[in-house]
Amino acid sequence: MLMLAFLAAGVGAALGLRFKVLVLLPAFIIGTMAIVVMSIIQGRGVVSAIAATVYVVIGLQVGYLLGGILGRALILHLTAHRVAWPTRHITGTQQ
């Protein structure tokens, strides 16, 4: 189940880099449905399915948070160290 949590955190980080927080709701629903289906197919108990769902939801949230922080930090870093480009237009003819 730890691998499932890390996978969910990776998905959450990817979502955190690009989308707003409301994207987590469909991700929770899809993750929960996938866990329920896999638990039924594998014949696991209800407690195992609930534990896996909790791991996925927490992993998505933590990954979203870390992905959002990483994205904002990267943007701040890139804008702080921006190289100044020449402002005059070079035409190729001498004046």
PDB file of N, CA and C in Angstrom:
ATOM      1  N   MET A   1       0.807  -1.199   0.000  1.00  0.00           N
ATOM      2  CA  MET A   1       0.000   0.000   0.000  1.00  0.00           C
ATOM      3  C   MET A   1       0.847   1.259   0.000  1.00  0.00           C
ATOM      4  N   LEU A   2       2.082   1.128   0.440  1.00  0.00           N
ATOM      5  CA  LEU A   2       2.976   2.282   0.434  1.00  0.00           C
ATOM      6  C   LEU A   2       3.271   2.723  -0.998  1.00  0.00           C
ATOM      7  N   MET A   3       3.419   1.761  -1.881  1.00  0.00           N
ATOM      8  CA  MET A   3       3.641   2.099  -3.287  1.00  0.00           C
ATOM      9  C   MET A   3       2.429   2.819  -3.871  1.00  0.00           C
ATOM     10  N   LEU A   4       1.246   2.426  -3.469  1.00  0.00           N
ATOM     11  CA  LEU A   4       0.021   3.091  -3.908  1.00  0.00           C
ATOM     12  C   LEU A   4      -0.014   4.540  -3.428  1.00  0.00           C
ATOM     13  N   ALA A   5       0.428   4.773  -2.190  1.00  0.00           N
ATOM     14  CA  ALA A   5       0.469   6.138  -1.653  1.00  0.00           C
ATOM     15  C   ALA A   5       1.474   6.994  -2.407  1.00  0.00           C
ATOM     16  N   PHE A   6       2.650   6.424  -2.739  1.00  0.00           N
ATOM     17  CA  PHE A   6       3.650   7.179  -3.503  1.00  0.00           C
ATOM     18  C   PHE A   6       3.162   7.474  -4.916  1.00  0.00           C
ATOM     19  N   LEU A   7       2.483   6.531  -5.516  1.00  0.00           N
ATOM     20  CA  LEU A   7       1.920   6.757  -6.843  1.00  0.00           C
ATOM     21  C   LEU A   7       0.873   7.870  -6.795  1.00  0.00           C
ATOM     22  N   ALA A   8       0.032   7.846  -5.782  1.00  0.00           N
ATOM     23  CA  ALA A   8      -0.978   8.901  -5.623  1.00  0.00           C
ATOM     24  C   ALA A   8      -0.313  10.251  -5.372  1.00  0.00           C
ATOM     25  N   ALA A   9       0.780  10.267  -4.621  1.00  0.00           N
ATOM     26  CA  ALA A   9       1.494  11.523  -4.371  1.00  0.00           C
ATOM     27  C   ALA A   9       2.100  12.061  -5.664  1.00  0.00           C
ATOM     28  N   GLY A  10       2.595  11.189  -6.509  1.00  0.00           N
ATOM     29  CA  GLY A  10       3.126  11.633  -7.802  1.00  0.00           C
ATOM     30  C   GLY A  10       2.047  12.212  -8.690  1.00  0.00           C
ATOM     31  N   VAL A  11       0.901  11.566  -8.699  1.00  0.00           N
ATOM     32  CA  VAL A  11      -0.230  12.097  -9.477  1.00  0.00           C
ATOM     33  C   VAL A  11      -0.684  13.432  -8.889  1.00  0.00           C
ATOM     34  N   GLY A  12      -0.735  13.513  -7.573  1.00  0.00           N
ATOM     35  CA  GLY A  12      -1.112  14.765  -6.922  1.00  0.00           C
ATOM     36  C   GLY A  12      -0.128  15.885  -7.215  1.00  0.00           C
ATOM     37  N   ALA A  13       1.164  15.566  -7.258  1.00  0.00           N
ATOM     38  CA  ALA A  13       2.173  16.584  -7.577  1.00  0.00           C
ATOM     39  C   ALA A  13       2.004  17.077  -9.007  1.00  0.00           C
ATOM     40  N   ALA A  14       1.724  16.173  -9.916  1.00  0.00           N
ATOM     41  CA  ALA A  14       1.495  16.580 -11.305  1.00  0.00           C
ATOM     42  C   ALA A  14       0.256  17.458 -11.418  1.00  0.00           C
ATOM     43  N   LEU A  15      -0.784  17.117 -10.676  1.00  0.00           N
ATOM     44  CA  LEU A  15      -1.988  17.942 -10.684  1.00  0.00           C
ATOM     45  C   LEU A  15      -1.735  19.296 -10.023  1.00  0.00           C
ATOM     46  N   GLY A  16      -0.907  19.308  -8.985  1.00  0.00           N
ATOM     47  CA  GLY A  16      -0.600  20.551  -8.279  1.00  0.00           C
ATOM     48  C   GLY A  16       0.210  21.523  -9.106  1.00  0.00           C
ATOM     49  N   LEU A  17       0.984  21.009 -10.051  1.00  0.00           N
ATOM     50  CA  LEU A  17       1.768  21.889 -10.916  1.00  0.00           C
ATOM     51  C   LEU A  17       0.904  22.623 -11.921  1.00  0.00           C
ATOM     52  N   ARG A  18      -0.238  22.073 -12.269  1.00  0.00           N
ATOM     53  CA  ARG A  18      -0.998  22.625 -13.388  1.00  0.00           C
ATOM     54  C   ARG A  18      -2.404  23.122 -13.032  1.00  0.00           C
ATOM     55  N   PHE A  19      -3.081  22.446 -12.097  1.00  0.00           N
ATOM     56  CA  PHE A  19      -4.496  22.704 -11.886  1.00  0.00           C
ATOM     57  C   PHE A  19      -4.777  23.318 -10.521  1.00  0.00           C
ATOM     58  N   LYS A  20      -6.011  23.823 -10.366  1.00  0.00           N
ATOM     59  CA  LYS A  20      -6.453  24.351  -9.084  1.00  0.00           C
ATOM     60  C   LYS A  20      -6.947  23.203  -8.206  1.00  0.00           C
ATOM     61  N   VAL A  21      -7.256  23.523  -6.968  1.00  0.00           N
ATOM     62  CA  VAL A  21      -7.543  22.506  -5.959  1.00  0.00           C
ATOM     63  C   VAL A  21      -8.802  21.691  -6.267  1.00  0.00           C
ATOM     64  N   LEU A  22      -9.724  22.228  -7.025  1.00  0.00           N
ATOM     65  CA  LEU A  22     -10.959  21.491  -7.318  1.00  0.00           C
ATOM     66  C   LEU A  22     -10.728  20.244  -8.169  1.00  0.00           C
ATOM     67  N   VAL A  23      -9.543  20.123  -8.779  1.00  0.00           N
ATOM     68  CA  VAL A  23      -9.256  18.930  -9.573  1.00  0.00           C
ATOM     69  C   VAL A  23      -9.069  17.704  -8.667  1.00  0.00           C
ATOM     70  N   LEU A  24      -8.874  17.943  -7.378  1.00  0.00           N
ATOM     71  CA  LEU A  24      -8.691  16.815  -6.467  1.00  0.00           C
ATOM     72  C   LEU A  24      -9.971  16.003  -6.287  1.00  0.00           C
ATOM     73  N   LEU A  25     -11.118  16.633  -6.370  1.00  0.00           N
ATOM     74  CA  LEU A  25     -12.378  15.901  -6.189  1.00  0.00           C
ATOM     75  C   LEU A  25     -12.561  14.798  -7.230  1.00  0.00           C
ATOM     76  N   PRO A  26     -12.427  15.077  -8.542  1.00  0.00           N
ATOM     77  CA  PRO A  26     -12.515  13.965  -9.499  1.00  0.00           C
ATOM     78  C   PRO A  26     -11.397  12.938  -9.311  1.00  0.00           C
ATOM     79  N   ALA A  27     -10.222  13.396  -8.884  1.00  0.00           N
ATOM     80  CA  ALA A  27      -9.125  12.455  -8.643  1.00  0.00           C
ATOM     81  C   ALA A  27      -9.458  11.524  -7.478  1.00  0.00           C
ATOM     82  N   PHE A  28     -10.083  12.068  -6.426  1.00  0.00           N
ATOM     83  CA  PHE A  28     -10.518  11.230  -5.305  1.00  0.00           C
ATOM     84  C   PHE A  28     -11.548  10.207  -5.756  1.00  0.00           C
ATOM     85  N   ILE A  29     -12.504  10.654  -6.533  1.00  0.00           N
ATOM     86  CA  ILE A  29     -13.574   9.763  -6.990  1.00  0.00           C
ATOM     87  C   ILE A  29     -13.016   8.653  -7.874  1.00  0.00           C
ATOM     88  N   ILE A  30     -12.162   9.009  -8.828  1.00  0.00           N
ATOM     89  CA  ILE A  30     -11.572   8.002  -9.723  1.00  0.00           C
ATOM     90  C   ILE A  30     -10.701   7.035  -8.938  1.00  0.00           C
ATOM     91  N   GLY A  31      -9.897   7.554  -8.013  1.00  0.00           N
ATOM     92  CA  GLY A  31      -9.045   6.691  -7.196  1.00  0.00           C
ATOM     93  C   GLY A  31      -9.847   5.736  -6.334  1.00  0.00           C
ATOM     94  N   THR A  32     -10.906   6.239  -5.726  1.00  0.00           N
ATOM     95  CA  THR A  32     -11.749   5.397  -4.881  1.00  0.00           C
ATOM     96  C   THR A  32     -12.450   4.320  -5.696  1.00  0.00           C
ATOM     97  N   MET A  33     -12.960   4.700  -6.864  1.00  0.00           N
ATOM     98  CA  MET A  33     -13.614   3.697  -7.716  1.00  0.00           C
ATOM     99  C   MET A  33     -12.621   2.618  -8.154  1.00  0.00           C
ATOM    100  N   ALA A  34     -11.409   3.010  -8.513  1.00  0.00           N
ATOM    101  CA  ALA A  34     -10.405   2.032  -8.922  1.00  0.00           C
ATOM    102  C   ALA A  34     -10.057   1.088  -7.776  1.00  0.00           C
ATOM    103  N   ILE A  35      -9.944   1.613  -6.575  1.00  0.00           N
ATOM    104  CA  ILE A  35      -9.621   0.777  -5.418  1.00  0.00           C
ATOM    105  C   ILE A  35     -10.756  -0.192  -5.111  1.00  0.00           C
ATOM    106  N   VAL A  36     -11.985   0.276  -5.177  1.00  0.00           N
ATOM    107  CA  VAL A  36     -13.129  -0.604  -4.913  1.00  0.00           C
ATOM    108  C   VAL A  36     -13.185  -1.733  -5.940  1.00  0.00           C
ATOM    109  N   VAL A  37     -13.013  -1.394  -7.208  1.00  0.00           N
ATOM    110  CA  VAL A  37     -13.044  -2.419  -8.256  1.00  0.00           C
ATOM    111  C   VAL A  37     -11.914  -3.436  -8.052  1.00  0.00           C
ATOM    112  N   MET A  38     -10.710  -2.945  -7.784  1.00  0.00           N
ATOM    113  CA  MET A  38      -9.582  -3.866  -7.600  1.00  0.00           C
ATOM    114  C   MET A  38      -9.758  -4.722  -6.338  1.00  0.00           C
ATOM    115  N   SER A  39     -10.336  -4.156  -5.294  1.00  0.00           N
ATOM    116  CA  SER A  39     -10.576  -4.941  -4.081  1.00  0.00           C
ATOM    117  C   SER A  39     -11.600  -6.044  -4.324  1.00  0.00           C
ATOM    118  N   ILE A  40     -12.625  -5.752  -5.115  1.00  0.00           N
ATOM    119  CA  ILE A  40     -13.621  -6.779  -5.440  1.00  0.00           C
ATOM    120  C   ILE A  40     -12.996  -7.866  -6.304  1.00  0.00           C
ATOM    121  N   ILE A  41     -12.210  -7.460  -7.298  1.00  0.00           N
ATOM    122  CA  ILE A  41     -11.575  -8.447  -8.191  1.00  0.00           C
ATOM    123  C   ILE A  41     -10.611  -9.339  -7.424  1.00  0.00           C
ATOM    124  N   GLN A  42      -9.838  -8.753  -6.521  1.00  0.00           N
ATOM    125  CA  GLN A  42      -8.832  -9.518  -5.785  1.00  0.00           C
ATOM    126  C   GLN A  42      -9.405 -10.222  -4.559  1.00  0.00           C
ATOM    127  N   GLY A  43     -10.653  -9.940  -4.219  1.00  0.00           N
ATOM    128  CA  GLY A  43     -11.285 -10.599  -3.082  1.00  0.00           C
ATOM    129  C   GLY A  43     -10.787 -10.113  -1.735  1.00  0.00           C
ATOM    130  N   ARG A  44     -10.380  -8.874  -1.657  1.00  0.00           N
ATOM    131  CA  ARG A  44      -9.895  -8.316  -0.389  1.00  0.00           C
ATOM    132  C   ARG A  44     -11.067  -7.842   0.457  1.00  0.00           C
ATOM    133  N   GLY A  45     -10.801  -7.608   1.711  1.00  0.00           N
ATOM    134  CA  GLY A  45     -11.854  -7.191   2.633  1.00  0.00           C
ATOM    135  C   GLY A  45     -12.156  -5.706   2.548  1.00  0.00           C
ATOM    136  N   VAL A  46     -13.194  -5.338   3.260  1.00  0.00           N
ATOM    137  CA  VAL A  46     -13.632  -3.945   3.280  1.00  0.00           C
ATOM    138  C   VAL A  46     -12.601  -3.069   3.994  1.00  0.00           C
ATOM    139  N   VAL A  47     -12.014  -3.580   5.057  1.00  0.00           N
ATOM    140  CA  VAL A  47     -11.031  -2.810   5.819  1.00  0.00           C
ATOM    141  C   VAL A  47      -9.816  -2.485   4.946  1.00  0.00           C
ATOM    142  N   SER A  48      -9.383  -3.443   4.156  1.00  0.00           N
ATOM    143  CA  SER A  48      -8.256  -3.222   3.255  1.00  0.00           C
ATOM    144  C   SER A  48      -8.582  -2.160   2.199  1.00  0.00           C
ATOM    145  N   ALA A  49      -9.796  -2.198   1.678  1.00  0.00           N
ATOM    146  CA  ALA A  49     -10.206  -1.199   0.687  1.00  0.00           C
ATOM    147  C   ALA A  49     -10.286   0.187   1.305  1.00  0.00           C
ATOM    148  N   ILE A  50     -10.781   0.285   2.525  1.00  0.00           N
ATOM    149  CA  ILE A  50     -10.864   1.582   3.197  1.00  0.00           C
ATOM    150  C   ILE A  50      -9.471   2.129   3.484  1.00  0.00           C
ATOM    151  N   ALA A  51      -8.570   1.258   3.950  1.00  0.00           N
ATOM    152  CA  ALA A  51      -7.198   1.693   4.217  1.00  0.00           C
ATOM    153  C   ALA A  51      -6.508   2.173   2.940  1.00  0.00           C
ATOM    154  N   ALA A  52      -6.687   1.451   1.853  1.00  0.00           N
ATOM    155  CA  ALA A  52      -6.089   1.860   0.586  1.00  0.00           C
ATOM    156  C   ALA A  52      -6.666   3.185   0.104  1.00  0.00           C
ATOM    157  N   THR A  53      -7.963   3.383   0.296  1.00  0.00           N
ATOM    158  CA  THR A  53      -8.595   4.642  -0.094  1.00  0.00           C
ATOM    159  C   THR A  53      -8.044   5.805   0.725  1.00  0.00           C
ATOM    160  N   VAL A  54      -7.852   5.592   2.021  1.00  0.00           N
ATOM    161  CA  VAL A  54      -7.275   6.640   2.875  1.00  0.00           C
ATOM    162  C   VAL A  54      -5.864   6.969   2.418  1.00  0.00           C
ATOM    163  N   TYR A  55      -5.064   5.952   2.087  1.00  0.00           N
ATOM    164  CA  TYR A  55      -3.703   6.193   1.603  1.00  0.00           C
ATOM    165  C   TYR A  55      -3.711   6.991   0.305  1.00  0.00           C
ATOM    166  N   VAL A  56      -4.605   6.664  -0.579  1.00  0.00           N
ATOM    167  CA  VAL A  56      -4.666   7.368  -1.870  1.00  0.00           C
ATOM    168  C   VAL A  56      -5.092   8.820  -1.673  1.00  0.00           C
ATOM    169  N   VAL A  57      -6.094   9.048  -0.856  1.00  0.00           N
ATOM    170  CA  VAL A  57      -6.576  10.414  -0.630  1.00  0.00           C
ATOM    171  C   VAL A  57      -5.496  11.261   0.036  1.00  0.00           C
ATOM    172  N   ILE A  58      -4.838  10.723   1.045  1.00  0.00           N
ATOM    173  CA  ILE A  58      -3.766  11.463   1.710  1.00  0.00           C
ATOM    174  C   ILE A  58      -2.593  11.677   0.763  1.00  0.00           C
ATOM    175  N   GLY A  59      -2.248  10.666  -0.020  1.00  0.00           N
ATOM    176  CA  GLY A  59      -1.162  10.806  -0.983  1.00  0.00           C
ATOM    177  C   GLY A  59      -1.452  11.874  -2.027  1.00  0.00           C
ATOM    178  N   LEU A  60      -2.675  11.907  -2.530  1.00  0.00           N
ATOM    179  CA  LEU A  60      -3.057  12.936  -3.496  1.00  0.00           C
ATOM    180  C   LEU A  60      -2.943  14.331  -2.889  1.00  0.00           C
ATOM    181  N   GLN A  61      -3.408  14.493  -1.669  1.00  0.00           N
ATOM    182  CA  GLN A  61      -3.368  15.804  -1.032  1.00  0.00           C
ATOM    183  C   GLN A  61      -1.940  16.268  -0.758  1.00  0.00           C
ATOM    184  N   VAL A  62      -1.119  15.380  -0.224  1.00  0.00           N
ATOM    185  CA  VAL A  62       0.265  15.746   0.064  1.00  0.00           C
ATOM    186  C   VAL A  62       1.019  16.031  -1.237  1.00  0.00           C
ATOM    187  N   GLY A  63       0.812  15.202  -2.241  1.00  0.00           N
ATOM    188  CA  GLY A  63       1.453  15.429  -3.526  1.00  0.00           C
ATOM    189  C   GLY A  63       1.011  16.722  -4.168  1.00  0.00           C
ATOM    190  N   TYR A  64      -0.274  17.038  -4.077  1.00  0.00           N
ATOM    191  CA  TYR A  64      -0.790  18.295  -4.626  1.00  0.00           C
ATOM    192  C   TYR A  64      -0.138  19.484  -3.926  1.00  0.00           C
ATOM    193  N   LEU A  65      -0.047  19.406  -2.618  1.00  0.00           N
ATOM    194  CA  LEU A  65       0.566  20.485  -1.848  1.00  0.00           C
ATOM    195  C   LEU A  65       2.030  20.670  -2.232  1.00  0.00           C
ATOM    196  N   LEU A  66       2.785  19.578  -2.264  1.00  0.00           N
ATOM    197  CA  LEU A  66       4.204  19.675  -2.606  1.00  0.00           C
ATOM    198  C   LEU A  66       4.417  20.095  -4.059  1.00  0.00           C
ATOM    199  N   GLY A  67       3.579  19.610  -4.963  1.00  0.00           N
ATOM    200  CA  GLY A  67       3.679  20.015  -6.361  1.00  0.00           C
ATOM    201  C   GLY A  67       3.372  21.490  -6.547  1.00  0.00           C
ATOM    202  N   GLY A  68       2.376  21.986  -5.831  1.00  0.00           N
ATOM    203  CA  GLY A  68       2.051  23.410  -5.905  1.00  0.00           C
ATOM    204  C   GLY A  68       3.165  24.277  -5.358  1.00  0.00           C
ATOM    205  N   ILE A  69       3.744  23.865  -4.223  1.00  0.00           N
ATOM    206  CA  ILE A  69       4.856  24.613  -3.646  1.00  0.00           C
ATOM    207  C   ILE A  69       6.060  24.591  -4.571  1.00  0.00           C
ATOM    208  N   LEU A  70       6.361  23.423  -5.130  1.00  0.00           N
ATOM    209  CA  LEU A  70       7.492  23.311  -6.041  1.00  0.00           C
ATOM    210  C   LEU A  70       7.298  24.167  -7.283  1.00  0.00           C
ATOM    211  N   GLY A  71       6.106  24.162  -7.834  1.00  0.00           N
ATOM    212  CA  GLY A  71       5.828  24.964  -9.023  1.00  0.00           C
ATOM    213  C   GLY A  71       5.979  26.449  -8.754  1.00  0.00           C
ATOM    214  N   ARG A  72       5.439  26.918  -7.618  1.00  0.00           N
ATOM    215  CA  ARG A  72       5.546  28.345  -7.289  1.00  0.00           C
ATOM    216  C   ARG A  72       6.993  28.727  -7.020  1.00  0.00           C
ATOM    217  N   ALA A  73       7.738  27.869  -6.331  1.00  0.00           N
ATOM    218  CA  ALA A  73       9.146  28.162  -6.049  1.00  0.00           C
ATOM    219  C   ALA A  73       9.960  28.219  -7.336  1.00  0.00           C
ATOM    220  N   LEU A  74       9.664  27.336  -8.269  1.00  0.00           N
ATOM    221  CA  LEU A  74      10.375  27.341  -9.541  1.00  0.00           C
ATOM    222  C   LEU A  74      10.083  28.614 -10.327  1.00  0.00           C
ATOM    223  N   ILE A  75       8.827  29.046 -10.328  1.00  0.00           N
ATOM    224  CA  ILE A  75       8.472  30.284 -11.023  1.00  0.00           C
ATOM    225  C   ILE A  75       9.172  31.476 -10.379  1.00  0.00           C
ATOM    226  N   LEU A  76       9.175  31.537  -9.054  1.00  0.00           N
ATOM    227  CA  LEU A  76       9.852  32.641  -8.369  1.00  0.00           C
ATOM    228  C   LEU A  76      11.350  32.640  -8.648  1.00  0.00           C
ATOM    229  N   HIS A  77      11.942  31.467  -8.678  1.00  0.00           N
ATOM    230  CA  HIS A  77      13.373  31.362  -8.952  1.00  0.00           C
ATOM    231  C   HIS A  77      13.692  31.833 -10.372  1.00  0.00           C
ATOM    232  N   LEU A  78      12.899  31.405 -11.327  1.00  0.00           N
ATOM    233  CA  LEU A  78      13.157  31.781 -12.712  1.00  0.00           C
ATOM    234  C   LEU A  78      12.925  33.266 -12.961  1.00  0.00           C
ATOM    235  N   THR A  79      11.933  33.855 -12.321  1.00  0.00           N
ATOM    236  CA  THR A  79      11.695  35.280 -12.529  1.00  0.00           C
ATOM    237  C   THR A  79      12.709  36.137 -11.783  1.00  0.00           C
ATOM    238  N   ALA A  80      13.255  35.643 -10.688  1.00  0.00           N
ATOM    239  CA  ALA A  80      14.257  36.409  -9.941  1.00  0.00           C
ATOM    240  C   ALA A  80      15.593  36.440 -10.676  1.00  0.00           C
ATOM    241  N   HIS A  81      15.892  35.410 -11.455  1.00  0.00           N
ATOM    242  CA  HIS A  81      17.182  35.321 -12.139  1.00  0.00           C
ATOM    243  C   HIS A  81      17.031  35.504 -13.642  1.00  0.00           C
ATOM    244  N   ARG A  82      16.087  36.295 -14.035  1.00  0.00           N
ATOM    245  CA  ARG A  82      15.844  36.520 -15.460  1.00  0.00           C
ATOM    246  C   ARG A  82      16.994  37.337 -16.054  1.00  0.00           C
ATOM    247  N   VAL A  83      17.433  36.944 -17.210  1.00  0.00           N
ATOM    248  CA  VAL A  83      18.492  37.644 -17.909  1.00  0.00           C
ATOM    249  C   VAL A  83      17.857  38.773 -18.712  1.00  0.00           C
ATOM    250  N   ALA A  84      18.446  39.966 -18.632  1.00  0.00           N
ATOM    251  CA  ALA A  84      17.916  41.108 -19.373  1.00  0.00           C
ATOM    252  C   ALA A  84      18.324  40.989 -20.838  1.00  0.00           C
ATOM    253  N   TRP A  85      17.352  40.993 -21.720  1.00  0.00           N
ATOM    254  CA  TRP A  85      17.605  40.915 -23.153  1.00  0.00           C
ATOM    255  C   TRP A  85      17.765  42.317 -23.713  1.00  0.00           C
ATOM    256  N   PRO A  86      18.499  42.458 -24.808  1.00  0.00           N
ATOM    257  CA  PRO A  86      18.651  43.785 -25.412  1.00  0.00           C
ATOM    258  C   PRO A  86      17.289  44.326 -25.856  1.00  0.00           C
ATOM    259  N   THR A  87      17.097  45.627 -25.656  1.00  0.00           N
ATOM    260  CA  THR A  87      15.804  46.219 -25.983  1.00  0.00           C
ATOM    261  C   THR A  87      15.779  46.841 -27.371  1.00  0.00           C
ATOM    262  N   ARG A  88      16.920  47.129 -27.947  1.00  0.00           N
ATOM    263  CA  ARG A  88      16.906  47.758 -29.271  1.00  0.00           C
ATOM    264  C   ARG A  88      16.788  46.687 -30.342  1.00  0.00           C
ATOM    265  N   HIS A  89      16.244  47.077 -31.462  1.00  0.00           N
ATOM    266  CA  HIS A  89      16.022  46.156 -32.573  1.00  0.00           C
ATOM    267  C   HIS A  89      17.251  46.178 -33.476  1.00  0.00           C
ATOM    268  N   ILE A  90      17.784  45.019 -33.770  1.00  0.00           N
ATOM    269  CA  ILE A  90      18.951  44.919 -34.648  1.00  0.00           C
ATOM    270  C   ILE A  90      18.443  44.609 -36.045  1.00  0.00           C
ATOM    271  N   THR A  91      18.750  45.475 -37.018  1.00  0.00           N
ATOM    272  CA  THR A  91      18.211  45.318 -38.355  1.00  0.00           C
ATOM    273  C   THR A  91      19.195  44.687 -39.314  1.00  0.00           C
ATOM    274  N   GLY A  92      20.469  44.769 -39.050  1.00  0.00           N
ATOM    275  CA  GLY A  92      21.448  44.216 -39.981  1.00  0.00           C
ATOM    276  C   GLY A  92      22.084  45.295 -40.857  1.00  0.00           C
ATOM    277  N   THR A  93      21.582  46.488 -40.821  1.00  0.00           N
ATOM    278  CA  THR A  93      22.191  47.600 -41.580  1.00  0.00           C
ATOM    279  C   THR A  93      22.828  48.571 -40.599  1.00  0.00           C
ATOM    280  N   GLN A  94      23.948  49.130 -41.000  1.00  0.00           N
ATOM    281  CA  GLN A  94      24.640  50.059 -40.127  1.00  0.00           C
ATOM    282  C   GLN A  94      24.172  51.481 -40.430  1.00  0.00           C
ATOM    283  N   GLN A  95      24.076  52.287 -39.429  1.00  0.00           N
ATOM    284  CA  GLN A  95      23.666  53.661 -39.592  1.00  0.00           C
ATOM    285  C   GLN A  95      24.731  54.623 -39.193  1.00  0.00           C
TER     286      GLN A  95
END
